[in-house]
Amino acid sequence: MPPTLIATIFLFMTAVCGVGYWCLDRKMVRLSDTLRDTYKLGLMMIYGLQMVLLLMFAL
């Protein structure tokens, strides 16, 4: 896989996670704290997986 494709996918997924986090924090204030924390944990796991995949393909 070319590095530019990997970087593009990584940036796209980071942007999607960022927009999801922003929407959750700013727009959905009526959600329970447990649901918000679970979603934030899921976003951190996705970001961590992206970092692992990026390092696997980059090295």
C-alpha atoms as a PDB file:
ATOM      1  CA  MET A   1       0.000   0.000   0.000  1.00  0.00           C
ATOM      2  CA  PRO A   2       1.360   3.442  -0.841  1.00  0.00           C
ATOM      3  CA  PRO A   3       2.094   5.662   2.167  1.00  0.00           C
ATOM      4  CA  THR A   4      -0.089   8.456   0.805  1.00  0.00           C
ATOM      5  CA  LEU A   5      -3.135   6.168   0.789  1.00  0.00           C
ATOM      6  CA  ILE A   6      -2.462   5.093   4.363  1.00  0.00           C
ATOM      7  CA  ALA A   7      -2.030   8.711   5.445  1.00  0.00           C
ATOM      8  CA  THR A   8      -5.253   9.704   3.685  1.00  0.00           C
ATOM      9  CA  ILE A   9      -7.214   6.922   5.391  1.00  0.00           C
ATOM     10  CA  PHE A  10      -5.690   7.833   8.753  1.00  0.00           C
ATOM     11  CA  LEU A  11      -6.566  11.514   8.371  1.00  0.00           C
ATOM     12  CA  PHE A  12     -10.085  10.708   7.193  1.00  0.00           C
ATOM     13  CA  MET A  13     -10.782   8.410  10.145  1.00  0.00           C
ATOM     14  CA  THR A  14      -9.296  10.954  12.552  1.00  0.00           C
ATOM     15  CA  ALA A  15     -11.583  13.629  11.112  1.00  0.00           C
ATOM     16  CA  VAL A  16     -14.630  11.339  11.393  1.00  0.00           C
ATOM     17  CA  CYS A  17     -13.777  10.573  15.027  1.00  0.00           C
ATOM     18  CA  GLY A  18     -13.238  14.271  15.751  1.00  0.00           C
ATOM     19  CA  VAL A  19     -16.578  15.254  14.222  1.00  0.00           C
ATOM     20  CA  GLY A  20     -18.301  12.470  16.139  1.00  0.00           C
ATOM     21  CA  TYR A  21     -16.711  13.617  19.369  1.00  0.00           C
ATOM     22  CA  TRP A  22     -17.700  17.238  18.693  1.00  0.00           C
ATOM     23  CA  CYS A  23     -21.299  16.286  17.890  1.00  0.00           C
ATOM     24  CA  LEU A  24     -21.525  14.177  21.013  1.00  0.00           C
ATOM     25  CA  ASP A  25     -20.158  16.869  23.288  1.00  0.00           C
ATOM     26  CA  ARG A  26     -21.899  19.899  21.803  1.00  0.00           C
ATOM     27  CA  LYS A  27     -25.154  18.692  20.310  1.00  0.00           C
ATOM     28  CA  MET A  28     -26.247  15.714  22.409  1.00  0.00           C
ATOM     29  CA  VAL A  29     -26.158  17.055  25.944  1.00  0.00           C
ATOM     30  CA  ARG A  30     -29.206  15.010  26.938  1.00  0.00           C
ATOM     31  CA  LEU A  31     -27.357  11.688  26.707  1.00  0.00           C
ATOM     32  CA  SER A  32     -26.387   9.930  29.894  1.00  0.00           C
ATOM     33  CA  ASP A  33     -22.822  10.263  31.139  1.00  0.00           C
ATOM     34  CA  THR A  34     -22.266   6.514  30.805  1.00  0.00           C
ATOM     35  CA  LEU A  35     -23.178   6.541  27.118  1.00  0.00           C
ATOM     36  CA  ARG A  36     -20.967   9.551  26.459  1.00  0.00           C
ATOM     37  CA  ASP A  37     -18.016   7.965  28.267  1.00  0.00           C
ATOM     38  CA  THR A  38     -18.497   4.688  26.378  1.00  0.00           C
ATOM     39  CA  TYR A  39     -18.522   6.523  23.066  1.00  0.00           C
ATOM     40  CA  LYS A  40     -15.393   8.484  23.994  1.00  0.00           C
ATOM     41  CA  LEU A  41     -13.654   5.215  24.942  1.00  0.00           C
ATOM     42  CA  GLY A  42     -14.652   3.761  21.571  1.00  0.00           C
ATOM     43  CA  LEU A  43     -13.185   6.770  19.773  1.00  0.00           C
ATOM     44  CA  MET A  44      -9.924   6.398  21.703  1.00  0.00           C
ATOM     45  CA  MET A  45      -9.786   2.694  20.786  1.00  0.00           C
ATOM     46  CA  ILE A  46     -10.327   3.486  17.094  1.00  0.00           C
ATOM     47  CA  TYR A  47      -7.584   6.112  17.219  1.00  0.00           C
ATOM     48  CA  GLY A  48      -5.228   3.674  18.944  1.00  0.00           C
ATOM     49  CA  LEU A  49      -5.963   1.014  16.331  1.00  0.00           C
ATOM     50  CA  GLN A  50      -5.207   3.541  13.606  1.00  0.00           C
ATOM     51  CA  MET A  51      -1.840   4.284  15.202  1.00  0.00           C
ATOM     52  CA  VAL A  52      -0.985   0.572  15.399  1.00  0.00           C
ATOM     53  CA  LEU A  53      -1.955   0.007  11.769  1.00  0.00           C
ATOM     54  CA  LEU A  54      -0.031   3.062  10.671  1.00  0.00           C
ATOM     55  CA  LEU A  55       3.090   1.842  12.441  1.00  0.00           C
ATOM     56  CA  MET A  56       2.676  -1.686  11.041  1.00  0.00           C
ATOM     57  CA  PHE A  57       2.477  -0.473   7.467  1.00  0.00           C
ATOM     58  CA  ALA A  58       5.019   2.306   7.831  1.00  0.00           C
ATOM     59  CA  LEU A  59       7.796   0.088   9.167  1.00  0.00           C
END
